[in-house]
Amino acid sequence: MESFGTSKDLVQFIGKLGDLKDEHYHLVLVQSAMIELLIDKGLFSRQELEHTIAEMDRLMTDSPYPMA
């Protein structure tokens, strides 16, 4: 883990971490609202979304390099 030179550095780091947390929350909230609107408008179903999420998750977690 990174070493902090002064208490001020640590406080600044904690502040930045809090800012990132707030930004992440806002982005997830917007994404959730957009998904709900798209489903409500019939552009895709919740089942299609869940299927696509599962497929993408599988692609991201399956290693392209099999373990011997």
PDB file of N, CA and C in Angstrom:
ATOM      1  N   MET A   1       0.844  -1.183   0.000  1.00  0.00           N
ATOM      2  CA  MET A   1       0.000   0.000   0.000  1.00  0.00           C
ATOM      3  C   MET A   1       0.884   1.239   0.000  1.00  0.00           C
ATOM      4  N   GLU A   2       0.375   2.283  -0.577  1.00  0.00           N
ATOM      5  CA  GLU A   2       1.118   3.541  -0.675  1.00  0.00           C
ATOM      6  C   GLU A   2       1.356   4.131   0.711  1.00  0.00           C
ATOM      7  N   SER A   3       2.557   4.664   0.911  1.00  0.00           N
ATOM      8  CA  SER A   3       2.883   5.315   2.175  1.00  0.00           C
ATOM      9  C   SER A   3       2.584   6.814   2.042  1.00  0.00           C
ATOM     10  N   PHE A   4       2.013   7.400   3.072  1.00  0.00           N
ATOM     11  CA  PHE A   4       1.667   8.818   3.042  1.00  0.00           C
ATOM     12  C   PHE A   4       2.717   9.596   3.823  1.00  0.00           C
ATOM     13  N   GLY A   5       3.224  10.664   3.182  1.00  0.00           N
ATOM     14  CA  GLY A   5       4.269  11.458   3.805  1.00  0.00           C
ATOM     15  C   GLY A   5       3.790  12.238   5.011  1.00  0.00           C
ATOM     16  N   THR A   6       2.598  12.787   4.920  1.00  0.00           N
ATOM     17  CA  THR A   6       2.088  13.610   6.015  1.00  0.00           C
ATOM     18  C   THR A   6       0.621  13.270   6.273  1.00  0.00           C
ATOM     19  N   SER A   7       0.130  13.742   7.388  1.00  0.00           N
ATOM     20  CA  SER A   7      -1.287  13.564   7.699  1.00  0.00           C
ATOM     21  C   SER A   7      -2.147  14.274   6.661  1.00  0.00           C
ATOM     22  N   LYS A   8      -1.651  15.402   6.163  1.00  0.00           N
ATOM     23  CA  LYS A   8      -2.384  16.152   5.137  1.00  0.00           C
ATOM     24  C   LYS A   8      -2.555  15.303   3.879  1.00  0.00           C
ATOM     25  N   ASP A   9      -1.503  14.574   3.494  1.00  0.00           N
ATOM     26  CA  ASP A   9      -1.592  13.696   2.323  1.00  0.00           C
ATOM     27  C   ASP A   9      -2.664  12.624   2.526  1.00  0.00           C
ATOM     28  N   LEU A  10      -2.703  12.065   3.717  1.00  0.00           N
ATOM     29  CA  LEU A  10      -3.689  11.034   4.032  1.00  0.00           C
ATOM     30  C   LEU A  10      -5.102  11.603   3.981  1.00  0.00           C
ATOM     31  N   VAL A  11      -5.301  12.778   4.536  1.00  0.00           N
ATOM     32  CA  VAL A  11      -6.622  13.418   4.524  1.00  0.00           C
ATOM     33  C   VAL A  11      -7.055  13.704   3.086  1.00  0.00           C
ATOM     34  N   GLN A  12      -6.134  14.173   2.253  1.00  0.00           N
ATOM     35  CA  GLN A  12      -6.459  14.437   0.847  1.00  0.00           C
ATOM     36  C   GLN A  12      -6.830  13.150   0.124  1.00  0.00           C
ATOM     37  N   PHE A  13      -6.093  12.079   0.411  1.00  0.00           N
ATOM     38  CA  PHE A  13      -6.390  10.788  -0.200  1.00  0.00           C
ATOM     39  C   PHE A  13      -7.785  10.313   0.203  1.00  0.00           C
ATOM     40  N   ILE A  14      -8.111  10.413   1.479  1.00  0.00           N
ATOM     41  CA  ILE A  14      -9.427   9.992   1.961  1.00  0.00           C
ATOM     42  C   ILE A  14     -10.523  10.836   1.319  1.00  0.00           C
ATOM     43  N   GLY A  15     -10.270  12.126   1.144  1.00  0.00           N
ATOM     44  CA  GLY A  15     -11.241  12.996   0.480  1.00  0.00           C
ATOM     45  C   GLY A  15     -11.476  12.585  -0.959  1.00  0.00           C
ATOM     46  N   LYS A  16     -10.388  12.260  -1.666  1.00  0.00           N
ATOM     47  CA  LYS A  16     -10.517  11.815  -3.059  1.00  0.00           C
ATOM     48  C   LYS A  16     -11.274  10.499  -3.140  1.00  0.00           C
ATOM     49  N   LEU A  17     -11.014   9.602  -2.192  1.00  0.00           N
ATOM     50  CA  LEU A  17     -11.719   8.328  -2.157  1.00  0.00           C
ATOM     51  C   LEU A  17     -13.217   8.544  -1.942  1.00  0.00           C
ATOM     52  N   GLY A  18     -13.564   9.468  -1.068  1.00  0.00           N
ATOM     53  CA  GLY A  18     -14.973   9.809  -0.854  1.00  0.00           C
ATOM     54  C   GLY A  18     -15.613  10.382  -2.102  1.00  0.00           C
ATOM     55  N   ASP A  19     -14.875  11.230  -2.815  1.00  0.00           N
ATOM     56  CA  ASP A  19     -15.387  11.793  -4.069  1.00  0.00           C
ATOM     57  C   ASP A  19     -15.647  10.696  -5.095  1.00  0.00           C
ATOM     58  N   LEU A  20     -14.732   9.727  -5.195  1.00  0.00           N
ATOM     59  CA  LEU A  20     -14.902   8.615  -6.130  1.00  0.00           C
ATOM     60  C   LEU A  20     -16.132   7.788  -5.772  1.00  0.00           C
ATOM     61  N   LYS A  21     -16.341   7.582  -4.480  1.00  0.00           N
ATOM     62  CA  LYS A  21     -17.503   6.822  -4.030  1.00  0.00           C
ATOM     63  C   LYS A  21     -18.793   7.535  -4.432  1.00  0.00           C
ATOM     64  N   ASP A  22     -18.853   8.832  -4.239  1.00  0.00           N
ATOM     65  CA  ASP A  22     -20.031   9.606  -4.624  1.00  0.00           C
ATOM     66  C   ASP A  22     -20.261   9.553  -6.132  1.00  0.00           C
ATOM     67  N   GLU A  23     -19.185   9.688  -6.899  1.00  0.00           N
ATOM     68  CA  GLU A  23     -19.298   9.647  -8.358  1.00  0.00           C
ATOM     69  C   GLU A  23     -19.772   8.266  -8.823  1.00  0.00           C
ATOM     70  N   HIS A  24     -19.238   7.221  -8.222  1.00  0.00           N
ATOM     71  CA  HIS A  24     -19.658   5.859  -8.573  1.00  0.00           C
ATOM     72  C   HIS A  24     -21.140   5.665  -8.290  1.00  0.00           C
ATOM     73  N   TYR A  25     -21.601   6.123  -7.138  1.00  0.00           N
ATOM     74  CA  TYR A  25     -23.016   6.010  -6.789  1.00  0.00           C
ATOM     75  C   TYR A  25     -23.887   6.721  -7.826  1.00  0.00           C
ATOM     76  N   HIS A  26     -23.479   7.933  -8.198  1.00  0.00           N
ATOM     77  CA  HIS A  26     -24.252   8.698  -9.174  1.00  0.00           C
ATOM     78  C   HIS A  26     -24.306   7.976 -10.521  1.00  0.00           C
ATOM     79  N   LEU A  27     -23.184   7.442 -10.971  1.00  0.00           N
ATOM     80  CA  LEU A  27     -23.150   6.735 -12.258  1.00  0.00           C
ATOM     81  C   LEU A  27     -24.031   5.489 -12.231  1.00  0.00           C
ATOM     82  N   VAL A  28     -24.004   4.743 -11.135  1.00  0.00           N
ATOM     83  CA  VAL A  28     -24.845   3.550 -11.025  1.00  0.00           C
ATOM     84  C   VAL A  28     -26.314   3.943 -10.990  1.00  0.00           C
ATOM     85  N   LEU A  29     -26.643   5.020 -10.321  1.00  0.00           N
ATOM     86  CA  LEU A  29     -28.023   5.499 -10.265  1.00  0.00           C
ATOM     87  C   LEU A  29     -28.525   5.883 -11.659  1.00  0.00           C
ATOM     88  N   VAL A  30     -27.720   6.618 -12.408  1.00  0.00           N
ATOM     89  CA  VAL A  30     -28.099   7.015 -13.769  1.00  0.00           C
ATOM     90  C   VAL A  30     -28.249   5.785 -14.658  1.00  0.00           C
ATOM     91  N   GLN A  31     -27.310   4.860 -14.543  1.00  0.00           N
ATOM     92  CA  GLN A  31     -27.371   3.639 -15.351  1.00  0.00           C
ATOM     93  C   GLN A  31     -28.640   2.844 -15.032  1.00  0.00           C
ATOM     94  N   SER A  32     -28.971   2.716 -13.774  1.00  0.00           N
ATOM     95  CA  SER A  32     -30.173   1.981 -13.377  1.00  0.00           C
ATOM     96  C   SER A  32     -31.429   2.653 -13.922  1.00  0.00           C
ATOM     97  N   ALA A  33     -31.484   3.969 -13.841  1.00  0.00           N
ATOM     98  CA  ALA A  33     -32.641   4.700 -14.357  1.00  0.00           C
ATOM     99  C   ALA A  33     -32.773   4.518 -15.864  1.00  0.00           C
ATOM    100  N   MET A  34     -31.658   4.576 -16.571  1.00  0.00           N
ATOM    101  CA  MET A  34     -31.697   4.406 -18.030  1.00  0.00           C
ATOM    102  C   MET A  34     -32.161   3.002 -18.406  1.00  0.00           C
ATOM    103  N   ILE A  35     -31.685   2.001 -17.688  1.00  0.00           N
ATOM    104  CA  ILE A  35     -32.104   0.623 -17.964  1.00  0.00           C
ATOM    105  C   ILE A  35     -33.604   0.474 -17.737  1.00  0.00           C
ATOM    106  N   GLU A  36     -34.104   1.012 -16.632  1.00  0.00           N
ATOM    107  CA  GLU A  36     -35.544   0.922 -16.354  1.00  0.00           C
ATOM    108  C   GLU A  36     -36.357   1.607 -17.455  1.00  0.00           C
ATOM    109  N   LEU A  37     -35.913   2.773 -17.906  1.00  0.00           N
ATOM    110  CA  LEU A  37     -36.627   3.469 -18.985  1.00  0.00           C
ATOM    111  C   LEU A  37     -36.628   2.663 -20.275  1.00  0.00           C
ATOM    112  N   LEU A  38     -35.488   2.074 -20.621  1.00  0.00           N
ATOM    113  CA  LEU A  38     -35.402   1.282 -21.852  1.00  0.00           C
ATOM    114  C   LEU A  38     -36.295   0.047 -21.776  1.00  0.00           C
ATOM    115  N   ILE A  39     -36.364  -0.584 -20.611  1.00  0.00           N
ATOM    116  CA  ILE A  39     -37.246  -1.736 -20.436  1.00  0.00           C
ATOM    117  C   ILE A  39     -38.700  -1.292 -20.512  1.00  0.00           C
ATOM    118  N   ASP A  40     -39.029  -0.190 -19.830  1.00  0.00           N
ATOM    119  CA  ASP A  40     -40.407   0.325 -19.855  1.00  0.00           C
ATOM    120  C   ASP A  40     -40.849   0.686 -21.268  1.00  0.00           C
ATOM    121  N   LYS A  41     -39.936   1.174 -22.094  1.00  0.00           N
ATOM    122  CA  LYS A  41     -40.261   1.557 -23.468  1.00  0.00           C
ATOM    123  C   LYS A  41     -40.263   0.360 -24.417  1.00  0.00           C
ATOM    124  N   GLY A  42     -39.898  -0.817 -23.905  1.00  0.00           N
ATOM    125  CA  GLY A  42     -39.959  -2.034 -24.701  1.00  0.00           C
ATOM    126  C   GLY A  42     -38.784  -2.243 -25.637  1.00  0.00           C
ATOM    127  N   LEU A  43     -37.689  -1.525 -25.438  1.00  0.00           N
ATOM    128  CA  LEU A  43     -36.540  -1.719 -26.310  1.00  0.00           C
ATOM    129  C   LEU A  43     -35.888  -3.074 -26.091  1.00  0.00           C
ATOM    130  N   PHE A  44     -35.949  -3.575 -24.857  1.00  0.00           N
ATOM    131  CA  PHE A  44     -35.524  -4.933 -24.551  1.00  0.00           C
ATOM    132  C   PHE A  44     -36.183  -5.347 -23.247  1.00  0.00           C
ATOM    133  N   SER A  45     -36.175  -6.650 -23.000  1.00  0.00           N
ATOM    134  CA  SER A  45     -36.813  -7.156 -21.783  1.00  0.00           C
ATOM    135  C   SER A  45     -35.767  -7.343 -20.685  1.00  0.00           C
ATOM    136  N   ARG A  46     -36.267  -7.487 -19.483  1.00  0.00           N
ATOM    137  CA  ARG A  46     -35.376  -7.734 -18.343  1.00  0.00           C
ATOM    138  C   ARG A  46     -34.641  -9.065 -18.536  1.00  0.00           C
ATOM    139  N   GLN A  47     -35.331 -10.057 -19.130  1.00  0.00           N
ATOM    140  CA  GLN A  47     -34.701 -11.353 -19.370  1.00  0.00           C
ATOM    141  C   GLN A  47     -33.574 -11.231 -20.393  1.00  0.00           C
ATOM    142  N   GLU A  48     -33.785 -10.433 -21.457  1.00  0.00           N
ATOM    143  CA  GLU A  48     -32.716 -10.221 -22.442  1.00  0.00           C
ATOM    144  C   GLU A  48     -31.519  -9.536 -21.797  1.00  0.00           C
ATOM    145  N   LEU A  49     -31.783  -8.578 -20.941  1.00  0.00           N
ATOM    146  CA  LEU A  49     -30.700  -7.881 -20.243  1.00  0.00           C
ATOM    147  C   LEU A  49     -29.928  -8.848 -19.347  1.00  0.00           C
ATOM    148  N   GLU A  50     -30.659  -9.657 -18.573  1.00  0.00           N
ATOM    149  CA  GLU A  50     -30.001 -10.619 -17.685  1.00  0.00           C
ATOM    150  C   GLU A  50     -29.182 -11.634 -18.473  1.00  0.00           C
ATOM    151  N   HIS A  51     -29.706 -12.076 -19.616  1.00  0.00           N
ATOM    152  CA  HIS A  51     -28.973 -13.022 -20.471  1.00  0.00           C
ATOM    153  C   HIS A  51     -27.682 -12.381 -20.989  1.00  0.00           C
ATOM    154  N   THR A  52     -27.771 -11.151 -21.456  1.00  0.00           N
ATOM    155  CA  THR A  52     -26.599 -10.453 -21.987  1.00  0.00           C
ATOM    156  C   THR A  52     -25.570 -10.204 -20.889  1.00  0.00           C
ATOM    157  N   ILE A  53     -26.025  -9.829 -19.711  1.00  0.00           N
ATOM    158  CA  ILE A  53     -25.111  -9.619 -18.583  1.00  0.00           C
ATOM    159  C   ILE A  53     -24.384 -10.915 -18.248  1.00  0.00           C
ATOM    160  N   ALA A  54     -25.119 -12.012 -18.174  1.00  0.00           N
ATOM    161  CA  ALA A  54     -24.499 -13.305 -17.856  1.00  0.00           C
ATOM    162  C   ALA A  54     -23.489 -13.701 -18.926  1.00  0.00           C
ATOM    163  N   GLU A  55     -23.831 -13.467 -20.184  1.00  0.00           N
ATOM    164  CA  GLU A  55     -22.919 -13.799 -21.285  1.00  0.00           C
ATOM    165  C   GLU A  55     -21.648 -12.952 -21.220  1.00  0.00           C
ATOM    166  N   MET A  56     -21.809 -11.667 -20.996  1.00  0.00           N
ATOM    167  CA  MET A  56     -20.644 -10.785 -20.905  1.00  0.00           C
ATOM    168  C   MET A  56     -19.786 -11.132 -19.695  1.00  0.00           C
ATOM    169  N   ASP A  57     -20.432 -11.472 -18.576  1.00  0.00           N
ATOM    170  CA  ASP A  57     -19.693 -11.857 -17.381  1.00  0.00           C
ATOM    171  C   ASP A  57     -18.881 -13.121 -17.641  1.00  0.00           C
ATOM    172  N   ARG A  58     -19.492 -14.070 -18.347  1.00  0.00           N
ATOM    173  CA  ARG A  58     -18.790 -15.309 -18.680  1.00  0.00           C
ATOM    174  C   ARG A  58     -17.584 -15.015 -19.556  1.00  0.00           C
ATOM    175  N   LEU A  59     -17.753 -14.142 -20.531  1.00  0.00           N
ATOM    176  CA  LEU A  59     -16.645 -13.786 -21.422  1.00  0.00           C
ATOM    177  C   LEU A  59     -15.518 -13.090 -20.668  1.00  0.00           C
ATOM    178  N   MET A  60     -15.882 -12.295 -19.672  1.00  0.00           N
ATOM    179  CA  MET A  60     -14.868 -11.559 -18.921  1.00  0.00           C
ATOM    180  C   MET A  60     -14.158 -12.433 -17.890  1.00  0.00           C
ATOM    181  N   THR A  61     -14.841 -13.481 -17.392  1.00  0.00           N
ATOM    182  CA  THR A  61     -14.231 -14.296 -16.344  1.00  0.00           C
ATOM    183  C   THR A  61     -13.536 -15.534 -16.894  1.00  0.00           C
ATOM    184  N   ASP A  62     -13.959 -16.016 -18.071  1.00  0.00           N
ATOM    185  CA  ASP A  62     -13.288 -17.176 -18.671  1.00  0.00           C
ATOM    186  C   ASP A  62     -11.943 -16.724 -19.223  1.00  0.00           C
ATOM    187  N   SER A  63     -10.917 -17.391 -18.793  1.00  0.00           N
ATOM    188  CA  SER A  63      -9.577 -17.063 -19.270  1.00  0.00           C
ATOM    189  C   SER A  63      -9.393 -17.574 -20.693  1.00  0.00           C
ATOM    190  N   PRO A  64      -8.829 -16.766 -21.580  1.00  0.00           N
ATOM    191  CA  PRO A  64      -8.543 -17.244 -22.921  1.00  0.00           C
ATOM    192  C   PRO A  64      -7.355 -18.208 -22.939  1.00  0.00           C
ATOM    193  N   TYR A  65      -6.698 -18.329 -21.790  1.00  0.00           N
ATOM    194  CA  TYR A  65      -5.518 -19.191 -21.668  1.00  0.00           C
ATOM    195  C   TYR A  65      -5.826 -20.296 -20.666  1.00  0.00           C
ATOM    196  N   PRO A  66      -6.184 -21.484 -21.160  1.00  0.00           N
ATOM    197  CA  PRO A  66      -6.521 -22.565 -20.230  1.00  0.00           C
ATOM    198  C   PRO A  66      -5.341 -22.943 -19.341  1.00  0.00           C
ATOM    199  N   MET A  67      -5.672 -23.267 -18.098  1.00  0.00           N
ATOM    200  CA  MET A  67      -4.643 -23.691 -17.154  1.00  0.00           C
ATOM    201  C   MET A  67      -4.294 -25.153 -17.425  1.00  0.00           C
ATOM    202  N   ALA A  68      -3.028 -25.461 -17.395  1.00  0.00           N
ATOM    203  CA  ALA A  68      -2.600 -26.837 -17.674  1.00  0.00           C
ATOM    204  C   ALA A  68      -2.692 -27.687 -16.437  1.00  0.00           C
TER     205      ALA A  68
END
